[in-house]
Amino acid sequence: MFKITYEPIAVNELIEHVLHNNVGAIQTFIGTVREMTHGKQTLRLEYHAYESMAVKMLERIGKEIEGKWPGTTVAITHRLGTLAIQEIAVVIAVSSPHRQASHEATSYAIERIKEVVPIWKKEYWADGSFWVGDQLEQNAYHEKEGHHG
C-alpha cells in the first residue's frame, strides 16, 4: 500500500495492511506539522507532488526495504495540499518478524522519501517569509521577484 492523498491519513489502515501472522513488530513513523522551524513560527505547510511518479517511488522504496530486510512488509502514505499545525503529513508502517528490522527499515524509508520522491514542501512562517526546498531556492525567489528578507 503506497498512496498519495489529499485526505487525512488513517494510521490504523496502514498498520492493518502490514499486520500478518509472522509479524513480531510493527514500527510506525508519523511525520506531523510542527509550529516552530529554525526559530520561526510556522503557520502552515503546503505539499505538492508529481503524483504518479511519487507513488512509483514510494513503491520502489518498499521493494528496497523488502530486499534489505527480508520478511518486512511496508505501507507508506504521504499527504498533499495545505496542512495545519499538528496535522499528519506522512505515515510509514513497517512490520517484520523482529523489532530491529522494522526500526532500521522505517528510518531508511523516511530518508529515502526525502531523497527520491518528487514531493515538494512550502513552509509559510508568521513573519511573512516562506521556505521552499532549501534556503538557496528561497534566496533565488527573493532575488528574482525583487523581494528582500
N, C-alpha and C. Protein backbone atom coordinates (compact mmCIF):
# COMPACT_ATOMS: atom_id res chain seq x y z
N MET A 1 0.85 -1.17 0.00
CA MET A 1 0.00 0.00 0.00
C MET A 1 0.89 1.24 0.00
N PHE A 2 0.89 1.93 -1.09
CA PHE A 2 1.69 3.14 -1.26
C PHE A 2 0.76 4.18 -1.87
N LYS A 3 0.50 5.25 -1.12
CA LYS A 3 -0.52 6.21 -1.56
C LYS A 3 -0.06 7.64 -1.38
N ILE A 4 -0.62 8.47 -2.23
CA ILE A 4 -0.57 9.92 -2.10
C ILE A 4 -2.03 10.34 -1.95
N THR A 5 -2.32 11.22 -1.00
CA THR A 5 -3.70 11.59 -0.74
C THR A 5 -3.82 13.06 -0.34
N TYR A 6 -4.99 13.61 -0.55
CA TYR A 6 -5.30 14.96 -0.06
C TYR A 6 -6.14 14.88 1.22
N GLU A 7 -6.50 13.67 1.60
CA GLU A 7 -7.34 13.45 2.78
C GLU A 7 -6.46 13.14 4.00
N PRO A 8 -7.01 13.36 5.21
CA PRO A 8 -6.26 12.95 6.41
C PRO A 8 -5.88 11.47 6.33
N ILE A 9 -4.72 11.15 6.86
CA ILE A 9 -4.19 9.78 6.77
C ILE A 9 -4.74 8.95 7.92
N ALA A 10 -5.27 7.77 7.58
CA ALA A 10 -5.77 6.83 8.59
C ALA A 10 -4.62 5.90 8.99
N VAL A 11 -3.99 6.19 10.11
CA VAL A 11 -2.83 5.42 10.56
C VAL A 11 -3.17 3.95 10.73
N ASN A 12 -4.32 3.65 11.30
CA ASN A 12 -4.71 2.24 11.53
C ASN A 12 -4.81 1.45 10.23
N GLU A 13 -5.18 2.13 9.14
CA GLU A 13 -5.27 1.45 7.84
C GLU A 13 -3.90 0.93 7.41
N LEU A 14 -2.86 1.71 7.62
CA LEU A 14 -1.51 1.28 7.26
C LEU A 14 -1.05 0.14 8.16
N ILE A 15 -1.36 0.23 9.44
CA ILE A 15 -0.97 -0.83 10.38
C ILE A 15 -1.66 -2.14 9.99
N GLU A 16 -2.95 -2.07 9.68
CA GLU A 16 -3.68 -3.27 9.27
C GLU A 16 -3.09 -3.88 8.01
N HIS A 17 -2.59 -3.03 7.11
CA HIS A 17 -2.01 -3.53 5.87
C HIS A 17 -0.74 -4.34 6.10
N VAL A 18 0.05 -3.97 7.10
CA VAL A 18 1.33 -4.66 7.33
C VAL A 18 1.23 -5.77 8.38
N LEU A 19 0.11 -5.90 9.03
CA LEU A 19 -0.07 -6.92 10.07
C LEU A 19 -0.43 -8.27 9.45
N HIS A 20 0.32 -9.29 9.80
CA HIS A 20 0.01 -10.67 9.37
C HIS A 20 0.59 -11.64 10.39
N ASN A 21 0.44 -12.92 10.16
CA ASN A 21 0.78 -13.94 11.15
C ASN A 21 2.26 -14.03 11.54
N ASN A 22 3.17 -13.57 10.69
CA ASN A 22 4.60 -13.69 11.01
C ASN A 22 5.20 -12.38 11.53
N VAL A 23 4.36 -11.47 11.95
CA VAL A 23 4.83 -10.18 12.45
C VAL A 23 5.11 -10.27 13.94
N GLY A 24 6.33 -9.85 14.30
CA GLY A 24 6.68 -9.74 15.71
C GLY A 24 6.79 -8.29 16.14
N ALA A 25 6.87 -7.40 15.16
CA ALA A 25 6.99 -5.96 15.46
C ALA A 25 6.44 -5.14 14.31
N ILE A 26 5.80 -4.05 14.67
CA ILE A 26 5.39 -3.04 13.69
C ILE A 26 5.91 -1.71 14.20
N GLN A 27 6.64 -1.04 13.35
CA GLN A 27 7.11 0.30 13.68
C GLN A 27 6.41 1.28 12.76
N THR A 28 5.94 2.38 13.33
CA THR A 28 5.36 3.43 12.52
C THR A 28 6.15 4.71 12.72
N PHE A 29 6.25 5.45 11.64
CA PHE A 29 6.79 6.80 11.68
C PHE A 29 5.65 7.70 11.26
N ILE A 30 5.35 8.70 12.07
CA ILE A 30 4.30 9.66 11.75
C ILE A 30 4.94 11.04 11.73
N GLY A 31 4.99 11.64 10.56
CA GLY A 31 5.53 12.98 10.42
C GLY A 31 4.40 13.99 10.50
N THR A 32 4.52 14.94 11.42
CA THR A 32 3.48 15.94 11.62
C THR A 32 4.01 17.34 11.33
N VAL A 33 3.11 18.28 11.23
CA VAL A 33 3.47 19.68 11.02
C VAL A 33 3.74 20.31 12.38
N ARG A 34 4.96 20.82 12.55
CA ARG A 34 5.33 21.45 13.82
C ARG A 34 5.19 22.97 13.71
N GLU A 35 5.05 23.61 14.85
CA GLU A 35 4.85 25.05 14.86
C GLU A 35 6.14 25.84 14.71
N MET A 36 7.24 25.38 15.27
CA MET A 36 8.49 26.13 15.21
C MET A 36 9.50 25.40 14.33
N THR A 37 10.09 26.14 13.37
CA THR A 37 11.10 25.59 12.47
C THR A 37 12.22 26.61 12.35
N HIS A 38 13.43 26.18 12.69
CA HIS A 38 14.59 27.08 12.59
C HIS A 38 14.33 28.39 13.33
N GLY A 39 13.64 28.33 14.46
CA GLY A 39 13.38 29.51 15.26
C GLY A 39 12.25 30.39 14.74
N LYS A 40 11.55 29.95 13.71
CA LYS A 40 10.45 30.72 13.14
C LYS A 40 9.13 30.00 13.38
N GLN A 41 8.08 30.78 13.60
CA GLN A 41 6.76 30.20 13.80
C GLN A 41 6.15 29.83 12.45
N THR A 42 5.80 28.56 12.32
CA THR A 42 5.18 28.06 11.10
C THR A 42 3.67 28.24 11.21
N LEU A 43 3.07 28.75 10.13
CA LEU A 43 1.62 28.90 10.08
C LEU A 43 0.96 27.69 9.43
N ARG A 44 1.59 27.19 8.35
CA ARG A 44 1.03 26.05 7.62
C ARG A 44 2.10 25.53 6.66
N LEU A 45 1.86 24.35 6.15
CA LEU A 45 2.69 23.77 5.10
C LEU A 45 1.82 23.47 3.90
N GLU A 46 2.44 23.51 2.73
CA GLU A 46 1.77 23.04 1.52
C GLU A 46 2.68 22.00 0.89
N TYR A 47 2.10 20.85 0.59
CA TYR A 47 2.83 19.79 -0.10
C TYR A 47 2.27 19.65 -1.51
N HIS A 48 3.18 19.57 -2.47
CA HIS A 48 2.84 19.36 -3.87
C HIS A 48 3.68 18.19 -4.36
N ALA A 49 3.19 17.51 -5.40
CA ALA A 49 3.93 16.35 -5.89
C ALA A 49 3.64 16.10 -7.36
N TYR A 50 4.57 15.41 -7.97
CA TYR A 50 4.35 14.77 -9.26
C TYR A 50 3.75 13.43 -8.85
N GLU A 51 2.43 13.36 -8.77
CA GLU A 51 1.74 12.29 -8.06
C GLU A 51 2.02 10.89 -8.57
N SER A 52 1.91 10.65 -9.87
CA SER A 52 2.11 9.29 -10.37
C SER A 52 3.54 8.83 -10.14
N MET A 53 4.50 9.72 -10.32
CA MET A 53 5.90 9.36 -10.07
C MET A 53 6.16 9.18 -8.57
N ALA A 54 5.50 9.98 -7.74
CA ALA A 54 5.68 9.85 -6.29
C ALA A 54 5.24 8.47 -5.82
N VAL A 55 4.10 8.00 -6.32
CA VAL A 55 3.62 6.67 -5.94
C VAL A 55 4.61 5.60 -6.41
N LYS A 56 5.11 5.72 -7.64
CA LYS A 56 6.10 4.75 -8.14
C LYS A 56 7.35 4.73 -7.28
N MET A 57 7.79 5.90 -6.82
CA MET A 57 8.99 5.96 -5.99
C MET A 57 8.72 5.39 -4.60
N LEU A 58 7.53 5.61 -4.06
CA LEU A 58 7.18 5.00 -2.78
C LEU A 58 7.18 3.48 -2.90
N GLU A 59 6.63 2.98 -4.01
CA GLU A 59 6.65 1.54 -4.25
C GLU A 59 8.08 1.02 -4.34
N ARG A 60 8.94 1.78 -5.01
CA ARG A 60 10.35 1.40 -5.13
C ARG A 60 11.02 1.32 -3.76
N ILE A 61 10.74 2.29 -2.91
CA ILE A 61 11.30 2.27 -1.55
C ILE A 61 10.82 1.03 -0.82
N GLY A 62 9.54 0.69 -0.97
CA GLY A 62 9.02 -0.53 -0.34
C GLY A 62 9.76 -1.77 -0.81
N LYS A 63 10.03 -1.87 -2.11
CA LYS A 63 10.78 -3.02 -2.64
C LYS A 63 12.22 -3.03 -2.13
N GLU A 64 12.83 -1.85 -2.05
CA GLU A 64 14.20 -1.76 -1.50
C GLU A 64 14.22 -2.29 -0.06
N ILE A 65 13.24 -1.88 0.72
CA ILE A 65 13.18 -2.32 2.13
C ILE A 65 12.97 -3.83 2.21
N GLU A 66 12.04 -4.34 1.42
CA GLU A 66 11.78 -5.78 1.46
C GLU A 66 13.00 -6.58 1.02
N GLY A 67 13.83 -6.01 0.14
CA GLY A 67 15.07 -6.66 -0.27
C GLY A 67 16.16 -6.60 0.79
N LYS A 68 16.27 -5.47 1.48
CA LYS A 68 17.31 -5.29 2.50
C LYS A 68 16.96 -5.98 3.82
N TRP A 69 15.68 -6.02 4.14
CA TRP A 69 15.23 -6.64 5.39
C TRP A 69 14.17 -7.68 5.05
N PRO A 70 14.59 -8.89 4.67
CA PRO A 70 13.63 -9.94 4.30
C PRO A 70 12.60 -10.19 5.41
N GLY A 71 11.38 -10.39 4.98
CA GLY A 71 10.30 -10.63 5.92
C GLY A 71 9.55 -9.37 6.32
N THR A 72 10.01 -8.21 5.83
CA THR A 72 9.30 -6.96 6.16
C THR A 72 8.14 -6.75 5.19
N THR A 73 7.16 -6.01 5.67
CA THR A 73 6.06 -5.53 4.85
C THR A 73 5.95 -4.03 5.10
N VAL A 74 5.74 -3.27 4.04
CA VAL A 74 5.80 -1.81 4.13
C VAL A 74 4.52 -1.18 3.59
N ALA A 75 4.09 -0.11 4.24
CA ALA A 75 2.99 0.74 3.74
C ALA A 75 3.40 2.19 4.00
N ILE A 76 3.21 3.04 2.99
CA ILE A 76 3.57 4.45 3.12
C ILE A 76 2.46 5.29 2.49
N THR A 77 2.02 6.31 3.21
CA THR A 77 1.08 7.28 2.68
C THR A 77 1.61 8.67 2.98
N HIS A 78 1.59 9.53 1.95
CA HIS A 78 2.01 10.93 2.11
C HIS A 78 0.85 11.82 1.72
N ARG A 79 0.63 12.84 2.49
CA ARG A 79 -0.47 13.76 2.25
C ARG A 79 0.00 14.97 1.44
N LEU A 80 -0.86 15.47 0.59
CA LEU A 80 -0.60 16.67 -0.20
C LEU A 80 -1.63 17.74 0.18
N GLY A 81 -1.37 18.96 -0.28
CA GLY A 81 -2.28 20.06 -0.03
C GLY A 81 -1.80 20.89 1.15
N THR A 82 -2.72 21.69 1.70
CA THR A 82 -2.40 22.58 2.81
C THR A 82 -2.65 21.86 4.12
N LEU A 83 -1.64 21.85 4.98
CA LEU A 83 -1.74 21.18 6.28
C LEU A 83 -1.49 22.19 7.39
N ALA A 84 -2.29 22.09 8.44
CA ALA A 84 -2.18 22.96 9.61
C ALA A 84 -1.23 22.34 10.64
N ILE A 85 -0.89 23.11 11.62
CA ILE A 85 -0.05 22.64 12.72
C ILE A 85 -0.71 21.40 13.33
N GLN A 86 0.07 20.40 13.63
CA GLN A 86 -0.31 19.11 14.23
C GLN A 86 -0.93 18.12 13.26
N GLU A 87 -1.18 18.50 12.02
CA GLU A 87 -1.73 17.53 11.08
C GLU A 87 -0.64 16.56 10.63
N ILE A 88 -1.06 15.36 10.26
CA ILE A 88 -0.14 14.32 9.83
C ILE A 88 0.16 14.49 8.34
N ALA A 89 1.47 14.53 8.02
CA ALA A 89 1.91 14.70 6.64
C ALA A 89 2.30 13.38 6.00
N VAL A 90 2.90 12.49 6.77
CA VAL A 90 3.36 11.21 6.22
C VAL A 90 3.29 10.14 7.30
N VAL A 91 2.93 8.93 6.87
CA VAL A 91 2.95 7.77 7.76
C VAL A 91 3.66 6.63 7.05
N ILE A 92 4.59 6.03 7.76
CA ILE A 92 5.30 4.84 7.28
C ILE A 92 5.03 3.75 8.30
N ALA A 93 4.60 2.59 7.85
CA ALA A 93 4.42 1.44 8.73
C ALA A 93 5.24 0.29 8.16
N VAL A 94 6.06 -0.31 9.01
CA VAL A 94 6.89 -1.43 8.60
C VAL A 94 6.72 -2.54 9.63
N SER A 95 6.35 -3.71 9.14
CA SER A 95 6.29 -4.87 10.03
C SER A 95 7.42 -5.82 9.68
N SER A 96 7.83 -6.59 10.69
CA SER A 96 8.89 -7.57 10.49
C SER A 96 8.78 -8.63 11.58
N PRO A 97 9.46 -9.75 11.39
CA PRO A 97 9.45 -10.77 12.43
C PRO A 97 10.09 -10.29 13.73
N HIS A 98 11.09 -9.40 13.62
CA HIS A 98 11.82 -8.91 14.80
C HIS A 98 11.91 -7.38 14.76
N ARG A 99 11.96 -6.75 15.92
CA ARG A 99 11.87 -5.29 16.01
C ARG A 99 13.01 -4.53 15.36
N GLN A 100 14.23 -5.05 15.39
CA GLN A 100 15.34 -4.29 14.84
C GLN A 100 15.17 -4.02 13.35
N ALA A 101 14.70 -5.00 12.61
CA ALA A 101 14.50 -4.82 11.17
C ALA A 101 13.45 -3.75 10.90
N SER A 102 12.35 -3.75 11.63
CA SER A 102 11.31 -2.74 11.38
C SER A 102 11.80 -1.35 11.77
N HIS A 103 12.60 -1.27 12.82
CA HIS A 103 13.15 0.02 13.23
C HIS A 103 14.11 0.57 12.17
N GLU A 104 15.04 -0.25 11.72
CA GLU A 104 16.00 0.18 10.71
C GLU A 104 15.30 0.53 9.39
N ALA A 105 14.35 -0.28 9.00
CA ALA A 105 13.65 -0.06 7.73
C ALA A 105 12.82 1.22 7.76
N THR A 106 12.22 1.54 8.88
CA THR A 106 11.44 2.77 8.99
C THR A 106 12.34 3.99 8.86
N SER A 107 13.48 3.97 9.51
CA SER A 107 14.44 5.08 9.37
C SER A 107 14.93 5.21 7.94
N TYR A 108 15.20 4.08 7.31
CA TYR A 108 15.64 4.07 5.92
C TYR A 108 14.55 4.70 5.02
N ALA A 109 13.31 4.34 5.27
CA ALA A 109 12.20 4.82 4.43
C ALA A 109 12.08 6.34 4.45
N ILE A 110 12.13 6.96 5.63
CA ILE A 110 11.93 8.41 5.67
C ILE A 110 13.10 9.12 4.99
N GLU A 111 14.30 8.61 5.12
CA GLU A 111 15.44 9.23 4.45
C GLU A 111 15.33 9.08 2.93
N ARG A 112 14.91 7.92 2.47
CA ARG A 112 14.74 7.71 1.02
C ARG A 112 13.61 8.56 0.45
N ILE A 113 12.55 8.74 1.22
CA ILE A 113 11.46 9.61 0.75
C ILE A 113 12.01 11.00 0.47
N LYS A 114 12.80 11.52 1.40
CA LYS A 114 13.37 12.85 1.22
C LYS A 114 14.31 12.91 0.02
N GLU A 115 14.99 11.80 -0.26
CA GLU A 115 15.98 11.77 -1.35
C GLU A 115 15.36 11.62 -2.73
N VAL A 116 14.35 10.77 -2.89
CA VAL A 116 13.95 10.36 -4.24
C VAL A 116 12.49 10.60 -4.63
N VAL A 117 11.63 10.90 -3.68
CA VAL A 117 10.21 11.04 -4.01
C VAL A 117 9.92 12.50 -4.39
N PRO A 118 9.33 12.72 -5.57
CA PRO A 118 9.08 14.09 -6.03
C PRO A 118 7.89 14.75 -5.32
N ILE A 119 8.14 15.09 -4.05
CA ILE A 119 7.18 15.81 -3.23
C ILE A 119 7.90 17.06 -2.74
N TRP A 120 7.22 18.21 -2.90
CA TRP A 120 7.83 19.47 -2.51
C TRP A 120 7.02 20.12 -1.40
N LYS A 121 7.74 20.67 -0.44
CA LYS A 121 7.11 21.31 0.71
C LYS A 121 7.34 22.81 0.64
N LYS A 122 6.28 23.57 0.88
CA LYS A 122 6.39 25.02 1.01
C LYS A 122 5.93 25.35 2.43
N GLU A 123 6.81 25.99 3.17
CA GLU A 123 6.54 26.28 4.58
C GLU A 123 6.30 27.78 4.74
N TYR A 124 5.14 28.15 5.29
CA TYR A 124 4.80 29.55 5.49
C TYR A 124 5.02 29.92 6.94
N TRP A 125 5.76 31.03 7.17
CA TRP A 125 6.08 31.46 8.53
C TRP A 125 5.32 32.73 8.89
N ALA A 126 5.16 32.96 10.16
CA ALA A 126 4.38 34.09 10.68
C ALA A 126 4.97 35.44 10.30
N ASP A 127 6.28 35.50 10.05
CA ASP A 127 6.90 36.79 9.70
C ASP A 127 6.72 37.15 8.22
N GLY A 128 5.97 36.32 7.48
CA GLY A 128 5.70 36.59 6.07
C GLY A 128 6.65 35.90 5.12
N SER A 129 7.72 35.33 5.65
CA SER A 129 8.66 34.62 4.77
C SER A 129 8.18 33.19 4.58
N PHE A 130 8.81 32.51 3.66
CA PHE A 130 8.49 31.11 3.43
C PHE A 130 9.73 30.39 2.97
N TRP A 131 9.64 29.07 2.99
CA TRP A 131 10.77 28.21 2.65
C TRP A 131 10.29 27.20 1.63
N VAL A 132 11.06 27.03 0.57
CA VAL A 132 10.77 26.01 -0.43
C VAL A 132 12.05 25.27 -0.72
N GLY A 133 12.04 23.97 -0.56
CA GLY A 133 13.19 23.14 -0.93
C GLY A 133 14.40 23.34 -0.06
N ASP A 134 15.11 24.41 -0.24
CA ASP A 134 16.24 24.75 0.60
C ASP A 134 16.43 26.26 0.60
N GLN A 135 17.30 26.73 1.44
CA GLN A 135 17.49 28.18 1.59
C GLN A 135 17.87 28.84 0.28
N LEU A 136 18.65 28.15 -0.56
CA LEU A 136 19.07 28.74 -1.82
C LEU A 136 17.87 29.03 -2.72
N GLU A 137 16.89 28.15 -2.72
CA GLU A 137 15.70 28.39 -3.52
C GLU A 137 14.94 29.61 -3.02
N GLN A 138 14.85 29.78 -1.70
CA GLN A 138 14.17 30.95 -1.16
C GLN A 138 14.93 32.21 -1.58
N ASN A 139 16.25 32.21 -1.46
CA ASN A 139 17.03 33.37 -1.84
C ASN A 139 16.87 33.66 -3.33
N ALA A 140 16.89 32.63 -4.15
CA ALA A 140 16.72 32.82 -5.59
C ALA A 140 15.35 33.42 -5.89
N TYR A 141 14.33 32.99 -5.20
CA TYR A 141 12.99 33.54 -5.40
C TYR A 141 12.98 35.02 -5.06
N HIS A 142 13.54 35.36 -3.89
CA HIS A 142 13.54 36.77 -3.46
C HIS A 142 14.30 37.64 -4.45
N GLU A 143 15.43 37.15 -4.95
CA GLU A 143 16.22 37.93 -5.91
C GLU A 143 15.46 38.09 -7.22
N LYS A 144 14.85 37.00 -7.70
CA LYS A 144 14.12 37.02 -8.97
C LYS A 144 12.92 37.96 -8.91
N GLU A 145 12.19 37.92 -7.82
CA GLU A 145 10.96 38.69 -7.69
C GLU A 145 11.20 40.08 -7.11
N GLY A 146 12.45 40.39 -6.74
CA GLY A 146 12.74 41.70 -6.19
C GLY A 146 12.33 41.84 -4.73
N HIS A 147 12.10 40.68 -4.05
CA HIS A 147 11.75 40.69 -2.63
C HIS A 147 13.01 40.62 -1.81
N HIS A 148 12.95 41.14 -0.63
CA HIS A 148 14.10 41.08 0.28
C HIS A 148 13.60 40.58 1.63
N GLY A 149 14.47 39.83 2.35
CA GLY A 149 14.10 39.40 3.70
C GLY A 149 14.14 37.99 3.92
